[in-house]
Amino acid sequence: MRKNYCLVCGRPLTKNEIGLTRKLIDDMAGKFYCMSCLAGYLDVTEDELRAKIEDFKQEGCKLFS
């Protein structure tokens, strides 16, 4: 499996971080953000993003583990 890295800081990404970038920014994204950089980009907190991931999981979204 190919490793993906944050577009901004270069940190290796989790499946949830990749899914969140796809869900919130572009479903065809080829470049992704880590949780911290995505929070900064969207001007929200990391806790708000984590809550959003849980919402998407409860909705049955397959982008999240």
Protein backbone atom coordinates (compact mmCIF):
# COMPACT_ATOMS: atom_id res chain seq x y z
CA MET A 1 0.00 0.00 0.00
CA ARG A 2 1.31 3.44 -0.95
CA LYS A 3 1.98 5.86 1.92
CA ASN A 4 0.42 9.29 1.72
CA TYR A 5 1.93 12.33 3.39
CA CYS A 6 0.54 15.69 4.50
CA LEU A 7 0.71 18.33 1.79
CA VAL A 8 1.85 20.96 4.32
CA CYS A 9 4.07 19.28 6.93
CA GLY A 10 4.98 15.95 5.29
CA ARG A 11 3.73 13.76 8.15
CA PRO A 12 2.48 10.24 7.23
CA LEU A 13 -1.33 10.17 7.15
CA THR A 14 -3.98 7.90 8.60
CA LYS A 15 -6.94 6.58 6.64
CA ASN A 16 -9.21 8.94 8.58
CA GLU A 17 -7.11 11.99 7.65
CA ILE A 18 -7.24 11.02 3.98
CA GLY A 19 -10.99 10.41 4.22
CA LEU A 20 -11.56 13.74 5.92
CA THR A 21 -9.67 15.64 3.22
CA ARG A 22 -11.75 13.86 0.58
CA LYS A 23 -15.03 14.45 2.41
CA LEU A 24 -14.49 18.11 3.33
CA ILE A 25 -12.37 19.45 0.46
CA ASP A 26 -12.48 17.30 -2.68
CA ASP A 27 -13.65 13.72 -3.13
CA MET A 28 -11.09 13.28 -5.93
CA ALA A 29 -8.21 14.78 -3.94
CA GLY A 30 -4.77 13.38 -4.61
CA LYS A 31 -3.08 15.55 -1.98
CA PHE A 32 -4.10 15.37 1.65
CA TYR A 33 -3.75 17.15 4.99
CA CYS A 34 -2.97 15.77 8.44
CA MET A 35 -5.48 16.60 11.17
CA SER A 36 -3.49 19.57 12.47
CA CYS A 37 -2.86 21.17 9.06
CA LEU A 38 -6.45 20.55 7.94
CA ALA A 39 -7.74 22.23 11.10
CA GLY A 40 -5.57 25.25 10.34
CA TYR A 41 -6.64 25.31 6.69
CA LEU A 42 -10.35 25.18 7.62
CA ASP A 43 -9.94 27.42 10.70
CA VAL A 44 -11.51 24.87 13.07
CA THR A 45 -10.16 22.83 15.98
CA GLU A 46 -8.84 19.30 15.75
CA ASP A 47 -11.56 18.27 18.23
CA GLU A 48 -14.21 19.58 15.83
CA LEU A 49 -12.67 17.49 13.05
CA ARG A 50 -12.58 14.39 15.25
CA ALA A 51 -16.27 14.91 16.07
CA LYS A 52 -17.01 15.23 12.35
CA ILE A 53 -15.21 11.92 11.71
CA GLU A 54 -17.43 10.26 14.31
CA ASP A 55 -20.52 11.77 12.65
CA PHE A 56 -19.44 10.41 9.27
CA LYS A 57 -18.76 6.96 10.78
CA GLN A 58 -22.22 6.88 12.33
CA GLU A 59 -23.69 7.79 8.94
CA GLY A 60 -21.91 4.74 7.52
CA CYS A 61 -19.39 6.59 5.36
CA LYS A 62 -16.85 4.07 4.02
CA LEU A 63 -14.02 6.62 3.97
CA PHE A 64 -13.51 6.19 7.72
CA SER A 65 -12.33 3.20 9.74
